[in-house]
Amino acid sequence: MSAAPLAVGVVGLGYWGPNLARNFDAMSSSELRWCCDPRPQARERHARHFRDARFTGEIDDLLGDPGLDAVVLATPVVTHPDLAVRVLEAGKHCFVEKPLARSVADAQRAVDAQRRSGKVLMVGHLLQYHAGINKLKEIAASGELGDIRYIYGNRLNLGQLRAEENALWSLGAHDVSVLLHLADEEPYEHVARGESYVRPGVEDVVFAFLRFRSGLAAHLHLSWLDPHKERRFTIVGSQRMATFDDMDPERKVTIYDKGFDESAEPSGGFTPRAGAIWSPQITSAEPLRLECEHFVTCVREGREPTSNGQTGLAVVRVLEGLQESLDASRRAAAMTSGDRSR
């Protein structure tokens, strides 16, 4: 006899919440029971798409439903930790969109609430469920690339300007989660520089450098002020190199037999090598569907999610460290500018 569908409620019907609702509604393993948003127009707009769900403007209606198993939070980031704590303390499993919080202290509160409740806490770091990213991780872990020297990521676009968060928090939450997923360790050094060209005090371009105890180094270029739309990660190893390119419809992952070989000449030295280039086949399954299915499986089987609370906390630790570096850089630039004006 198959298990009953997991009863799920989605809170937040803005940009991303309806996509989550669509997946939980379409899956046979889950039932979309509630949709919650304080804005009447948002509820009216989506009620015709999810006819079997109940709509409300109050999260208390979800928390008070004894038949509801889990709550999915797609609300503004500043609300994540408080709402996650409320959900977990109400005895519900919790899926919360990334990032988990805007500070390490707030992220830790959510993790502590999960530990007390014994329920599942999963953070929506979507790219950890992308088949291309996981193939890249598999290739790196296999030793096919040799020793991993450095990793860099570019997330660029002429994108949506934001007033409440900079490019680091808006775009970097994606790439930091991928970087930690690939590296399997946290960095000890965080350096970031950015510029606010459009909105004063809100960096629309950020360059971040991270160094790890293993010797690995990483660089991230994050911008919504760029002529190119790029979502790419590159791993450079001692033997080969590999890329993940989310904008390429056919070759998401490419391996390059490139590097330097020791010269056979008596004088020694190194010679560049440029060999074959190939792309492994990966599934075309929607990452969001895989993510939602993983949440349901973890709840049913009592498993820890790949992007659990501790993972979400680690991402916030890195983002907070990079933000501190950004702030210090901005203060130093202001002091230098002040000195020059005198």
Protein backbone atom coordinates (compact mmCIF):
# COMPACT_ATOMS: atom_id res chain seq x y z
CA MET A 1 0.00 0.00 0.00
CA SER A 2 1.48 3.34 -1.04
CA ALA A 3 1.97 6.16 1.47
CA ALA A 4 -0.55 8.99 1.55
CA PRO A 5 0.59 12.16 -0.25
CA LEU A 6 2.49 14.66 1.86
CA ALA A 7 0.17 17.57 2.68
CA VAL A 8 2.03 20.80 1.83
CA GLY A 9 1.26 24.49 2.22
CA VAL A 10 3.12 27.23 0.31
CA VAL A 11 3.58 30.65 1.91
CA GLY A 12 4.43 33.48 -0.50
CA LEU A 13 2.96 33.80 -3.99
CA GLY A 14 5.38 36.33 -5.43
CA TYR A 15 8.03 35.47 -8.02
CA TRP A 16 9.11 31.98 -6.93
CA GLY A 17 6.32 30.65 -4.70
CA PRO A 18 3.98 29.77 -7.60
CA ASN A 19 6.71 27.59 -9.14
CA LEU A 20 7.02 25.65 -5.91
CA ALA A 21 3.24 25.38 -5.64
CA ARG A 22 3.07 24.09 -9.22
CA ASN A 23 5.51 21.29 -8.49
CA PHE A 24 4.00 20.16 -5.21
CA ASP A 25 0.56 20.26 -6.84
CA ALA A 26 1.67 18.14 -9.81
CA MET A 27 3.55 15.44 -7.87
CA SER A 28 1.69 12.26 -6.92
CA SER A 29 3.74 12.08 -3.69
CA SER A 30 2.43 15.41 -2.38
CA GLU A 31 -0.83 17.33 -2.05
CA LEU A 32 -0.94 21.12 -2.24
CA ARG A 33 -3.37 21.83 0.60
CA TRP A 34 -2.79 25.54 1.31
CA CYS A 35 -1.54 28.67 -0.47
CA CYS A 36 -0.87 31.71 1.69
CA ASP A 37 -0.16 35.33 0.80
CA PRO A 38 -1.24 38.54 2.57
CA ARG A 39 -2.12 40.22 -0.76
CA PRO A 40 -5.69 39.52 -1.96
CA GLN A 41 -4.73 40.11 -5.60
CA ALA A 42 -2.02 37.43 -5.42
CA ARG A 43 -4.46 34.94 -3.92
CA GLU A 44 -7.08 35.72 -6.58
CA ARG A 45 -4.55 35.44 -9.40
CA HIS A 46 -3.42 31.94 -8.42
CA ALA A 47 -6.65 30.48 -7.05
CA ARG A 48 -7.75 29.45 -10.54
CA HIS A 49 -4.50 27.50 -11.07
CA PHE A 50 -4.65 25.56 -7.81
CA ARG A 51 -8.33 24.80 -7.44
CA ASP A 52 -7.96 22.06 -4.83
CA ALA A 53 -5.94 24.22 -2.43
CA ARG A 54 -7.33 26.52 0.23
CA PHE A 55 -6.19 30.15 0.11
CA THR A 56 -5.55 32.42 3.05
CA GLY A 57 -3.70 35.55 4.05
CA GLU A 58 -2.70 34.19 7.47
CA ILE A 59 0.07 31.66 8.10
CA ASP A 60 -1.68 30.77 11.38
CA ASP A 61 -4.30 28.93 9.32
CA LEU A 62 -1.59 26.60 8.04
CA LEU A 63 0.11 26.16 11.40
CA GLY A 64 -3.21 25.33 13.02
CA ASP A 65 -4.14 22.63 10.49
CA PRO A 66 -3.38 19.26 12.15
CA GLY A 67 -3.49 17.51 8.77
CA LEU A 68 -0.77 19.69 7.22
CA ASP A 69 2.62 17.97 7.18
CA ALA A 70 4.93 20.63 5.78
CA VAL A 71 5.18 24.35 5.06
CA VAL A 72 7.16 25.82 2.17
CA LEU A 73 8.39 29.40 2.68
CA ALA A 74 8.92 31.57 -0.40
CA THR A 75 8.72 34.89 1.44
CA PRO A 76 11.18 37.83 1.62
CA VAL A 77 14.55 36.79 3.03
CA VAL A 78 14.22 38.94 6.15
CA THR A 79 11.20 36.86 7.20
CA HIS A 80 12.83 33.45 6.70
CA PRO A 81 14.29 32.76 10.17
CA ASP A 82 11.26 33.90 12.19
CA LEU A 83 8.79 32.03 9.99
CA ALA A 84 10.97 28.90 9.87
CA VAL A 85 11.14 28.83 13.67
CA ARG A 86 7.36 29.22 13.89
CA VAL A 87 6.78 26.40 11.40
CA LEU A 88 9.14 24.01 13.17
CA GLU A 89 7.79 24.85 16.61
CA ALA A 90 4.29 24.11 15.28
CA GLY A 91 5.45 20.57 14.52
CA LYS A 92 5.61 20.97 10.72
CA HIS A 93 8.45 20.12 8.39
CA CYS A 94 9.91 23.21 6.74
CA PHE A 95 11.27 24.01 3.30
CA VAL A 96 12.63 27.57 3.16
CA GLU A 97 13.92 29.35 0.09
CA LYS A 98 17.54 30.47 0.01
CA PRO A 99 19.26 32.10 1.73
CA LEU A 100 18.19 30.78 5.11
CA ALA A 101 18.72 34.20 6.72
CA ARG A 102 20.58 37.49 6.41
CA SER A 103 22.86 36.77 9.38
CA VAL A 104 24.59 33.81 10.97
CA ALA A 105 22.79 34.45 14.26
CA ASP A 106 19.36 34.25 12.61
CA ALA A 107 20.29 31.18 10.56
CA GLN A 108 21.49 29.50 13.75
CA ARG A 109 18.09 30.15 15.38
CA ALA A 110 16.39 28.19 12.60
CA VAL A 111 18.90 25.34 12.87
CA ASP A 112 18.41 25.20 16.65
CA ALA A 113 14.63 25.10 16.18
CA GLN A 114 15.00 22.18 13.78
CA ARG A 115 17.13 20.27 16.25
CA ARG A 116 14.58 20.78 19.03
CA SER A 117 11.65 19.82 16.82
CA GLY A 118 13.15 16.77 15.13
CA LYS A 119 11.47 17.84 11.90
CA VAL A 120 13.08 18.25 8.48
CA LEU A 121 14.53 21.67 7.62
CA MET A 122 15.57 22.04 4.00
CA VAL A 123 16.93 25.17 2.30
CA GLY A 124 16.09 25.75 -1.37
CA HIS A 125 19.60 25.85 -2.80
CA LEU A 126 18.27 24.80 -6.18
CA LEU A 127 21.55 24.25 -8.02
CA GLN A 128 22.56 21.50 -5.62
CA TYR A 129 19.83 19.48 -7.36
CA HIS A 130 20.84 20.38 -10.91
CA ALA A 131 22.02 17.29 -12.78
CA GLY A 132 24.82 19.32 -14.41
CA ILE A 133 26.24 20.53 -11.10
CA ASN A 134 26.10 17.03 -9.64
CA LYS A 135 27.83 15.61 -12.73
CA LEU A 136 30.54 18.26 -12.29
CA LYS A 137 30.91 17.24 -8.64
CA GLU A 138 31.07 13.55 -9.61
CA ILE A 139 33.79 14.24 -12.18
CA ALA A 140 35.87 16.28 -9.72
CA ALA A 141 35.50 13.68 -6.95
CA SER A 142 36.51 10.82 -9.29
CA GLY A 143 40.03 12.22 -9.72
CA GLU A 144 39.55 12.55 -13.48
CA LEU A 145 40.66 16.19 -13.32
CA GLY A 146 43.63 15.47 -11.05
CA ASP A 147 44.20 17.67 -8.02
CA ILE A 148 41.70 20.55 -7.99
CA ARG A 149 43.62 23.82 -8.19
CA TYR A 150 40.88 26.46 -8.30
CA ILE A 151 37.21 27.05 -9.08
CA TYR A 152 35.55 30.15 -10.44
CA GLY A 153 31.97 31.12 -11.16
CA ASN A 154 30.32 33.84 -13.25
CA ARG A 155 26.68 34.83 -12.67
CA LEU A 156 26.07 37.84 -14.89
CA ASN A 157 23.14 39.52 -16.60
CA LEU A 158 21.52 42.87 -17.28
CA GLY A 159 19.12 41.84 -14.55
CA GLN A 160 16.53 43.12 -12.14
CA LEU A 161 17.74 45.97 -9.95
CA ARG A 162 17.02 45.46 -6.26
CA ALA A 163 16.84 48.00 -3.48
CA GLU A 164 16.72 45.63 -0.50
CA GLU A 165 19.76 43.44 -1.28
CA ASN A 166 22.98 43.69 -3.28
CA ALA A 167 24.34 41.37 -5.96
CA LEU A 168 26.23 39.36 -3.33
CA TRP A 169 23.08 38.29 -1.46
CA SER A 170 20.78 38.16 -4.49
CA LEU A 171 23.10 36.22 -6.83
CA GLY A 172 25.84 34.95 -4.54
CA ALA A 173 23.55 32.67 -2.53
CA HIS A 174 23.35 30.48 -5.65
CA ASP A 175 27.06 30.36 -6.37
CA VAL A 176 28.30 30.08 -2.80
CA SER A 177 26.05 27.05 -2.29
CA VAL A 178 27.45 25.45 -5.46
CA LEU A 179 31.01 26.25 -4.45
CA LEU A 180 30.61 24.65 -1.01
CA HIS A 181 28.86 21.67 -2.63
CA LEU A 182 31.82 21.16 -4.98
CA ALA A 183 34.56 21.87 -2.44
CA ASP A 184 33.14 19.89 0.53
CA GLU A 185 34.74 22.42 2.88
CA GLU A 186 34.28 26.00 4.03
CA PRO A 187 36.75 28.78 3.21
CA TYR A 188 38.86 30.44 5.88
CA GLU A 189 39.50 33.65 3.94
CA HIS A 190 36.81 35.93 2.48
CA VAL A 191 37.68 38.93 0.32
CA ALA A 192 35.11 40.93 -1.65
CA ARG A 193 35.10 44.15 -3.60
CA GLY A 194 32.10 45.73 -5.23
CA GLU A 195 30.71 48.90 -6.75
CA SER A 196 27.31 50.61 -6.57
CA TYR A 197 26.80 52.20 -9.97
CA VAL A 198 23.01 52.38 -10.15
CA ARG A 199 21.73 52.58 -6.55
CA PRO A 200 23.98 54.21 -3.95
CA GLY A 201 25.01 51.71 -1.27
CA VAL A 202 23.69 48.66 -3.17
CA GLU A 203 26.50 46.86 -4.98
CA ASP A 204 25.39 45.80 -8.46
CA VAL A 205 28.74 44.17 -9.23
CA VAL A 206 30.80 42.10 -6.78
CA PHE A 207 34.11 40.25 -7.13
CA ALA A 208 34.73 37.70 -4.38
CA PHE A 209 37.84 35.65 -3.56
CA LEU A 210 37.84 32.66 -1.21
CA ARG A 211 40.69 30.48 0.07
CA PHE A 212 40.34 27.00 1.61
CA ARG A 213 42.54 24.97 4.01
CA SER A 214 43.08 22.29 1.37
CA GLY A 215 44.83 24.85 -0.86
CA LEU A 216 41.82 25.33 -3.11
CA ALA A 217 41.09 28.89 -4.21
CA ALA A 218 37.84 30.23 -5.68
CA HIS A 219 36.63 33.39 -7.37
CA LEU A 220 33.08 34.61 -8.01
CA HIS A 221 31.97 37.37 -10.37
CA LEU A 222 28.42 38.49 -9.59
CA SER A 223 26.65 41.25 -11.50
CA TRP A 224 23.25 42.37 -12.72
CA LEU A 225 24.97 45.12 -14.73
CA ASP A 226 26.53 43.18 -17.59
CA PRO A 227 25.88 42.75 -21.34
CA HIS A 228 26.22 38.96 -21.10
CA LYS A 229 23.84 36.48 -19.52
CA GLU A 230 26.17 33.93 -18.02
CA ARG A 231 25.76 31.17 -15.43
CA ARG A 232 28.97 29.22 -15.50
CA PHE A 233 31.30 27.33 -13.17
CA THR A 234 34.80 26.22 -14.10
CA ILE A 235 37.00 23.73 -12.24
CA VAL A 236 40.71 23.75 -13.07
CA GLY A 237 42.57 20.59 -12.13
CA SER A 238 46.17 19.46 -12.46
CA GLN A 239 45.27 17.06 -15.31
CA ARG A 240 42.06 18.33 -16.89
CA MET A 241 39.49 21.10 -16.62
CA ALA A 242 35.69 21.08 -16.65
CA THR A 243 32.86 23.59 -16.94
CA PHE A 244 29.17 23.77 -16.15
CA ASP A 245 27.34 26.20 -18.44
CA ASP A 246 23.68 26.57 -17.59
CA MET A 247 23.06 28.75 -20.66
CA ASP A 248 24.18 26.06 -23.12
CA PRO A 249 21.07 24.05 -24.08
CA GLU A 250 23.04 20.96 -25.17
CA ARG A 251 26.43 20.88 -23.45
CA LYS A 252 25.76 21.67 -19.82
CA VAL A 253 29.01 20.00 -18.73
CA THR A 254 32.21 19.95 -20.80
CA ILE A 255 35.56 18.33 -19.96
CA TYR A 256 38.78 19.69 -21.47
CA ASP A 257 41.93 17.59 -21.66
CA LYS A 258 44.08 20.65 -21.16
CA GLY A 259 46.99 21.38 -18.88
CA PHE A 260 50.76 21.38 -18.62
CA ASP A 261 52.97 18.29 -18.96
CA GLU A 262 56.55 18.00 -17.79
CA SER A 263 58.87 18.29 -20.75
CA ALA A 264 61.00 15.30 -21.76
CA GLU A 265 63.77 17.66 -22.82
CA PRO A 266 66.97 17.58 -20.72
CA SER A 267 66.41 21.22 -19.86
CA GLY A 268 63.14 20.29 -18.18
CA GLY A 269 60.23 22.71 -17.98
CA PHE A 270 56.60 22.28 -18.95
CA THR A 271 54.73 22.14 -22.25
CA PRO A 272 51.06 23.00 -22.72
CA ARG A 273 48.67 20.18 -23.65
CA ALA A 274 45.41 20.67 -25.55
CA GLY A 275 43.70 17.34 -26.13
CA ALA A 276 40.15 16.12 -26.59
CA ILE A 277 37.01 17.94 -25.49
CA TRP A 278 33.86 15.99 -24.61
CA SER A 279 30.50 16.41 -22.91
CA PRO A 280 28.89 13.65 -20.81
CA GLN A 281 25.17 13.06 -21.12
CA ILE A 282 23.05 14.30 -18.22
CA THR A 283 19.36 14.11 -17.46
CA SER A 284 17.11 16.96 -18.58
CA ALA A 285 14.88 16.65 -15.50
CA GLU A 286 13.77 19.99 -14.07
CA PRO A 287 16.00 20.82 -11.07
CA LEU A 288 13.06 22.31 -9.16
CA ARG A 289 11.08 19.07 -9.54
CA LEU A 290 14.09 17.09 -8.31
CA GLU A 291 14.43 19.44 -5.36
CA CYS A 292 10.75 19.13 -4.39
CA GLU A 293 10.85 15.34 -4.74
CA HIS A 294 13.95 15.25 -2.52
CA PHE A 295 12.11 17.20 0.19
CA VAL A 296 9.18 14.78 0.14
CA THR A 297 11.53 11.77 0.27
CA CYS A 298 13.47 13.21 3.21
CA VAL A 299 10.27 13.84 5.18
CA ARG A 300 8.91 10.36 4.46
CA GLU A 301 12.15 8.51 5.19
CA GLY A 302 13.48 10.74 7.99
CA ARG A 303 16.59 11.59 5.99
CA GLU A 304 18.78 14.68 6.13
CA PRO A 305 18.36 16.80 2.97
CA THR A 306 21.37 17.53 0.81
CA SER A 307 20.74 21.22 1.48
CA ASN A 308 19.84 20.90 5.15
CA GLY A 309 19.89 23.57 7.83
CA GLN A 310 23.62 23.17 8.47
CA THR A 311 24.32 23.63 4.76
CA GLY A 312 22.14 26.73 4.70
CA LEU A 313 23.98 28.04 7.77
CA ALA A 314 27.36 27.47 6.08
CA VAL A 315 26.26 29.49 3.04
CA VAL A 316 25.15 32.36 5.28
CA ARG A 317 28.52 32.22 7.09
CA VAL A 318 30.35 32.72 3.79
CA LEU A 319 27.97 35.46 2.62
CA GLU A 320 28.31 37.28 5.94
CA GLY A 321 32.12 37.05 5.75
CA LEU A 322 32.09 38.45 2.22
CA GLN A 323 29.68 41.22 3.25
CA GLU A 324 32.02 42.22 6.09
CA SER A 325 34.84 42.46 3.55
CA LEU A 326 32.63 44.55 1.24
CA ASP A 327 31.76 46.89 4.10
CA ALA A 328 35.41 47.30 5.08
CA SER A 329 36.34 48.02 1.47
CA ARG A 330 33.59 50.65 1.21
CA ARG A 331 34.77 52.36 4.41
CA ALA A 332 38.38 52.37 3.20
CA ALA A 333 37.31 53.84 -0.15
CA ALA A 334 35.29 56.55 1.60
CA MET A 335 38.28 57.48 3.79
CA THR A 336 40.57 57.62 0.76
CA SER A 337 38.07 59.75 -1.12
CA GLY A 338 37.79 62.07 1.87
CA ASP A 339 41.55 62.44 2.10
CA ARG A 340 41.76 63.36 -1.58
CA SER A 341 39.04 65.98 -1.25
CA ARG A 342 40.89 67.82 1.48
